Amino acid sequence: MALTAIQRELWAAQLDAFLTTMTVAGSICDTNVVPAMDGGDTWHIVTPTDISTFSVADGSDITYSLPTDGDTSVTKNFDKGFALLELDTNVMQSGNAGWIQAFSQNGAYQLSADLDTAVLANHAAAGTNFQEAGSAWQFTVTTCAEVPVFFAQLLKKLRDQKVDGLGMPYVVGPTGFGEAIDTYTSKRGTQLGDESLLAGGQRTFTYGGFRVFISNNCNTAASITHGLAGIMGYGYALGRYIKPDMLEDLGRSEGRFGNLYRGRLAAGYKVYRSAAVVDVEFNSVVVATS
């Protein structure tokens, strides 16, 4: 099946839909950004500035000021693509069924993983870090009993940053963090929420008052794996676009019996309110081995 046989606008919409549901970045970041009028590689982030207060004294005039916005921008700093060769023999052997669907799903998965990796690797832009008594978080192997303490202290961190009331808190952690939660939950096995969590085996769930995302795209350096925490949709902006002209059918391959396809994703990400983003530090071995 040639890509020209379908509307590329539909494939672009389908690919963007996959990215929306598959990426951690698309879930935690502020995607309410406005593309620049010139259609370039910039998105505007318009947020209200903080309001200044003053002491009131009877008999003194009040000075009024105009409200202003904190217009900042995020520029494209992610641009990746994929290129595929669809061999005629594969099409014939498969009965020519679902190739475009398979290509878009696989390409979307790879692009989403790359985008997540880039967004999560930007932990240095966070306003503060979160450790356990000065060390990266590590949970005991048999019970992982520190899980409730983790969530309680992380919520306190967001309160100290004065951002906890701005929305639903989130935390992104590595697969070992999911293992710790599962281990602690299985030891309890009494709460309906715990049982539901264990039965679902999900990578995204609500626990301890947080929206929890388990990702295998967290950055590890110097024996520390970095997660992120903050308020969903606030403090960390993400702009992205997938245009039909970025998904191309190049037609027949000159050197092979098959068709060539390629796709592309361009995006920009930026922490614009550092106090609302926390660098969560896990030991690279999140659950102790003994």
Protein backbone atom coordinates (compact mmCIF):
# COMPACT_ATOMS: atom_id res chain seq x y z
CA MET A 1 0.00 0.00 0.00
CA ALA A 2 1.40 3.37 -0.97
CA LEU A 3 1.07 6.18 1.54
CA THR A 4 -0.32 8.41 -1.21
CA ALA A 5 -3.41 6.18 -1.21
CA ILE A 6 -4.50 7.69 2.12
CA GLN A 7 -4.72 11.25 3.42
CA ARG A 8 -1.48 12.22 5.07
CA GLU A 9 -3.37 14.67 7.27
CA LEU A 10 -5.14 11.70 8.84
CA TRP A 11 -1.88 9.87 9.44
CA ALA A 12 -0.39 12.98 11.01
CA ALA A 13 -3.42 13.24 13.31
CA GLN A 14 -3.12 9.56 14.15
CA LEU A 15 0.58 9.86 14.94
CA ASP A 16 -0.04 12.90 17.14
CA ALA A 17 -2.78 11.00 18.96
CA PHE A 18 -0.33 8.19 19.72
CA LEU A 19 2.17 10.70 21.08
CA THR A 20 -0.46 12.31 23.28
CA THR A 21 -1.36 9.03 24.94
CA MET A 22 2.09 7.42 25.03
CA THR A 23 4.42 10.14 26.28
CA VAL A 24 4.98 11.04 29.88
CA ALA A 25 6.03 14.47 28.65
CA GLY A 26 2.65 15.12 27.06
CA SER A 27 0.92 14.26 30.33
CA ILE A 28 2.97 16.26 32.84
CA CYS A 29 3.94 19.32 30.79
CA ASP A 30 2.02 22.49 30.07
CA THR A 31 0.98 22.03 26.45
CA ASN A 32 -1.22 25.14 26.41
CA VAL A 33 1.30 27.06 24.35
CA VAL A 34 0.65 29.31 21.36
CA PRO A 35 2.65 28.91 18.14
CA ALA A 36 4.40 32.03 16.91
CA MET A 37 2.48 34.02 14.33
CA ASP A 38 5.19 33.56 11.71
CA GLY A 39 4.84 29.79 11.94
CA GLY A 40 8.46 29.39 12.98
CA ASP A 41 10.07 27.20 15.61
CA THR A 42 8.76 29.10 18.65
CA TRP A 43 5.80 28.71 20.98
CA HIS A 44 4.65 31.43 23.41
CA ILE A 45 3.99 30.63 27.07
CA VAL A 46 1.66 33.27 28.49
CA THR A 47 1.28 33.18 32.27
CA PRO A 48 0.21 35.87 34.74
CA THR A 49 2.95 37.47 36.78
CA ASP A 50 2.81 37.42 40.56
CA ILE A 51 0.75 40.19 42.12
CA SER A 52 2.52 42.49 44.58
CA THR A 53 0.83 43.25 47.90
CA PHE A 54 1.21 46.34 50.06
CA SER A 55 0.45 47.51 53.57
CA VAL A 56 -2.72 49.52 53.97
CA ALA A 57 -2.79 52.70 56.07
CA ASP A 58 -5.94 54.75 56.59
CA GLY A 59 -5.63 58.17 55.03
CA SER A 60 -2.99 57.09 52.50
CA ASP A 61 -3.68 56.94 48.79
CA ILE A 62 -3.67 53.60 47.03
CA THR A 63 -1.48 53.15 43.99
CA TYR A 64 -2.96 50.95 41.28
CA SER A 65 -0.88 49.02 38.78
CA LEU A 66 -1.78 47.31 35.55
CA PRO A 67 -1.66 43.51 35.57
CA THR A 68 1.00 42.14 33.26
CA ASP A 69 1.71 38.75 31.85
CA GLY A 70 4.93 36.82 32.02
CA ASP A 71 5.21 36.13 28.31
CA THR A 72 8.11 33.80 27.69
CA SER A 73 8.77 31.45 24.83
CA VAL A 74 9.99 27.95 24.15
CA THR A 75 12.07 27.25 21.07
CA LYS A 76 12.38 24.01 19.15
CA ASN A 77 15.17 21.93 20.68
CA PHE A 78 14.02 18.44 19.64
CA ASP A 79 13.86 17.29 16.03
CA LYS A 80 13.94 13.60 15.15
CA GLY A 81 12.54 11.29 12.53
CA PHE A 82 12.29 7.72 11.32
CA ALA A 83 12.82 6.15 7.91
CA LEU A 84 11.37 2.83 6.78
CA LEU A 85 11.69 0.45 3.85
CA GLU A 86 8.56 -1.56 3.03
CA LEU A 87 9.68 -4.57 0.99
CA ASP A 88 7.28 -5.95 -1.61
CA THR A 89 7.85 -9.49 -0.29
CA ASN A 90 6.70 -8.49 3.19
CA VAL A 91 3.57 -6.87 1.77
CA MET A 92 2.73 -9.96 -0.27
CA GLN A 93 3.37 -12.40 2.59
CA SER A 94 1.23 -10.40 5.00
CA GLY A 95 -1.64 -9.96 2.60
CA ASN A 96 -0.99 -6.20 2.46
CA ALA A 97 -2.86 -5.70 5.74
CA GLY A 98 -2.21 -2.87 8.18
CA TRP A 99 1.23 -1.77 7.10
CA ILE A 100 0.60 1.96 7.43
CA GLN A 101 -0.97 1.40 10.85
CA ALA A 102 2.01 -0.65 11.99
CA PHE A 103 4.49 1.94 10.69
CA SER A 104 2.73 4.83 12.40
CA GLN A 105 2.44 2.99 15.72
CA ASN A 106 6.06 1.90 15.77
CA GLY A 107 7.35 5.27 14.62
CA ALA A 108 5.20 7.03 17.23
CA TYR A 109 6.49 4.75 19.96
CA GLN A 110 10.12 5.42 19.10
CA LEU A 111 9.59 9.17 18.81
CA SER A 112 7.65 9.28 22.08
CA ALA A 113 10.46 7.44 23.87
CA ASP A 114 13.05 9.86 22.49
CA LEU A 115 10.96 12.88 23.48
CA ASP A 116 10.41 11.53 26.99
CA THR A 117 14.14 10.89 27.36
CA ALA A 118 14.92 14.47 26.37
CA VAL A 119 12.30 16.04 28.65
CA LEU A 120 13.24 13.90 31.67
CA ALA A 121 16.96 14.52 31.10
CA ASN A 122 16.34 18.23 31.68
CA HIS A 123 16.20 17.68 35.45
CA ALA A 124 19.02 20.19 36.00
CA ALA A 125 16.50 22.96 35.25
CA ALA A 126 14.39 21.98 38.28
CA GLY A 127 14.28 24.48 41.09
CA THR A 128 15.10 21.98 43.83
CA ASN A 129 15.99 18.34 44.35
CA PHE A 130 14.43 15.67 46.53
CA GLN A 131 16.51 13.12 48.43
CA GLU A 132 16.19 10.89 51.49
CA ALA A 133 18.22 12.49 54.30
CA GLY A 134 20.83 13.71 51.84
CA SER A 135 21.06 10.48 49.84
CA ALA A 136 19.33 9.22 46.73
CA TRP A 137 16.18 7.26 47.52
CA GLN A 138 16.56 3.50 47.93
CA PHE A 139 13.92 1.12 49.27
CA THR A 140 14.41 -1.99 51.41
CA VAL A 141 14.24 -5.21 49.44
CA THR A 142 11.65 -7.14 51.47
CA THR A 143 8.99 -4.56 52.34
CA CYS A 144 9.82 -1.23 50.66
CA ALA A 145 8.23 0.28 53.76
CA GLU A 146 9.62 3.72 52.90
CA VAL A 147 7.02 4.24 50.17
CA PRO A 148 4.53 6.22 52.34
CA VAL A 149 7.37 8.36 53.70
CA PHE A 150 8.49 9.09 50.16
CA PHE A 151 5.09 10.46 49.14
CA ALA A 152 4.57 12.39 52.38
CA GLN A 153 7.96 14.08 52.18
CA LEU A 154 7.58 14.82 48.47
CA LEU A 155 4.24 16.50 49.09
CA LYS A 156 5.88 18.56 51.83
CA LYS A 157 8.55 19.58 49.31
CA LEU A 158 5.87 20.88 46.93
CA ARG A 159 4.19 22.71 49.80
CA ASP A 160 7.49 24.31 50.75
CA GLN A 161 7.78 25.44 47.11
CA LYS A 162 4.26 26.95 47.43
CA VAL A 163 2.95 25.17 44.34
CA ASP A 164 0.95 22.28 45.85
CA GLY A 165 -2.34 24.17 45.54
CA LEU A 166 -1.98 24.79 41.81
CA GLY A 167 -3.20 21.40 40.63
CA MET A 168 -2.68 17.66 40.74
CA PRO A 169 0.85 16.71 41.83
CA TYR A 170 2.76 14.16 39.78
CA VAL A 171 5.92 12.14 40.12
CA VAL A 172 7.84 10.34 37.38
CA GLY A 173 10.12 7.53 38.49
CA PRO A 174 12.08 4.65 36.97
CA THR A 175 10.88 1.07 36.73
CA GLY A 176 12.50 0.30 40.10
CA PHE A 177 10.19 2.85 41.71
CA GLY A 178 7.25 0.90 40.33
CA GLU A 179 8.79 -2.23 41.79
CA ALA A 180 9.03 -0.54 45.20
CA ILE A 181 5.37 0.50 45.13
CA ASP A 182 4.28 -2.97 44.02
CA THR A 183 6.35 -4.61 46.76
CA TYR A 184 4.97 -2.36 49.48
CA THR A 185 1.42 -2.74 48.17
CA SER A 186 1.60 -6.53 48.00
CA LYS A 187 2.73 -6.66 51.62
CA ARG A 188 -0.39 -4.76 52.64
CA GLY A 189 -2.92 -6.45 50.38
CA THR A 190 -5.83 -5.06 52.38
CA GLN A 191 -6.85 -1.80 50.74
CA LEU A 192 -9.15 -1.79 47.74
CA GLY A 193 -6.91 0.76 46.05
CA ASP A 194 -3.86 -1.42 46.64
CA GLU A 195 -5.59 -4.47 45.21
CA SER A 196 -6.74 -2.53 42.16
CA LEU A 197 -3.26 -1.22 41.60
CA LEU A 198 -1.73 -4.68 41.76
CA ALA A 199 -4.39 -6.14 39.49
CA GLY A 200 -3.84 -3.44 36.90
CA GLY A 201 -0.06 -3.57 36.76
CA GLN A 202 -0.17 -0.14 35.16
CA ARG A 203 2.61 2.27 34.32
CA THR A 204 0.35 5.22 35.17
CA PHE A 205 -1.79 5.35 38.29
CA THR A 206 -2.80 7.50 41.25
CA TYR A 207 -1.11 6.76 44.57
CA GLY A 208 -0.40 8.71 47.74
CA GLY A 209 -2.18 11.78 46.35
CA PHE A 210 0.08 11.84 43.28
CA ARG A 211 -0.37 10.92 39.65
CA VAL A 212 2.46 8.41 39.28
CA PHE A 213 4.24 7.69 36.00
CA ILE A 214 6.65 4.78 35.71
CA SER A 215 9.10 5.37 32.86
CA ASN A 216 12.09 3.50 31.49
CA ASN A 217 13.36 6.75 29.97
CA CYS A 218 14.66 8.37 33.17
CA ASN A 219 18.23 9.63 33.04
CA THR A 220 20.92 7.84 35.08
CA ALA A 221 24.31 9.40 35.84
CA ALA A 222 26.86 8.79 38.61
CA SER A 223 24.74 6.05 40.23
CA ILE A 224 21.72 8.37 40.47
CA THR A 225 18.56 7.97 38.42
CA HIS A 226 16.67 11.23 38.06
CA GLY A 227 12.90 11.43 38.11
CA LEU A 228 10.70 14.53 38.10
CA ALA A 229 7.90 15.81 40.29
CA GLY A 230 5.68 18.85 40.18
CA ILE A 231 2.19 19.99 39.27
CA MET A 232 0.60 18.56 36.16
CA GLY A 233 0.34 21.07 33.35
CA TYR A 234 2.33 23.77 35.13
CA GLY A 235 5.92 24.97 35.20
CA TYR A 236 7.28 22.85 32.34
CA ALA A 237 6.16 23.78 28.83
CA LEU A 238 6.04 21.52 25.78
CA GLY A 239 5.23 22.53 22.24
CA ARG A 240 5.23 20.07 19.36
CA TYR A 241 3.97 19.74 15.86
CA ILE A 242 3.53 17.01 13.32
CA LYS A 243 2.63 18.30 9.89
CA PRO A 244 1.46 16.25 6.91
CA ASP A 245 4.55 17.33 4.95
CA MET A 246 6.72 15.72 7.66
CA LEU A 247 5.23 12.31 6.81
CA GLU A 248 6.37 11.41 3.36
CA ASP A 249 5.93 8.61 0.87
CA LEU A 250 9.07 8.70 -1.25
CA GLY A 251 7.72 6.08 -3.62
CA ARG A 252 9.72 3.21 -5.00
CA SER A 253 13.22 2.55 -3.73
CA GLU A 254 15.88 2.81 -6.40
CA GLY A 255 18.01 0.01 -5.02
CA ARG A 256 15.37 -2.35 -3.52
CA PHE A 257 11.97 -3.75 -4.46
CA GLY A 258 9.89 -1.78 -2.03
CA ASN A 259 8.58 1.61 -0.93
CA LEU A 260 10.29 4.22 1.25
CA TYR A 261 8.61 6.17 4.05
CA ARG A 262 9.85 8.67 6.59
CA GLY A 263 8.37 10.70 9.43
CA ARG A 264 9.49 13.51 11.69
CA LEU A 265 8.65 15.10 15.04
CA ALA A 266 9.74 18.59 16.05
CA ALA A 267 9.20 19.87 19.58
CA GLY A 268 10.39 22.39 22.12
CA TYR A 269 10.51 21.97 25.91
CA LYS A 270 11.44 24.38 28.68
CA VAL A 271 11.10 24.77 32.46
CA TYR A 272 9.56 28.24 32.85
CA ARG A 273 8.75 28.08 36.59
CA SER A 274 11.62 26.25 38.27
CA ALA A 275 9.95 26.28 41.71
CA ALA A 276 7.23 24.01 40.29
CA VAL A 277 9.63 21.30 39.10
CA VAL A 278 11.53 18.96 41.44
CA ASP A 279 14.47 16.72 40.57
CA VAL A 280 13.70 13.43 42.34
CA GLU A 281 16.90 11.47 42.97
CA PHE A 282 16.75 7.68 43.12
CA ASN A 283 19.62 5.32 43.73
CA SER A 284 20.36 3.60 40.41
CA VAL A 285 19.48 0.39 42.28
CA VAL A 286 16.12 1.65 43.49
CA VAL A 287 15.19 -1.45 45.46
CA ALA A 288 18.09 -2.80 47.47
CA THR A 289 19.21 -6.31 46.54
CA SER A 290 19.75 -7.44 50.14
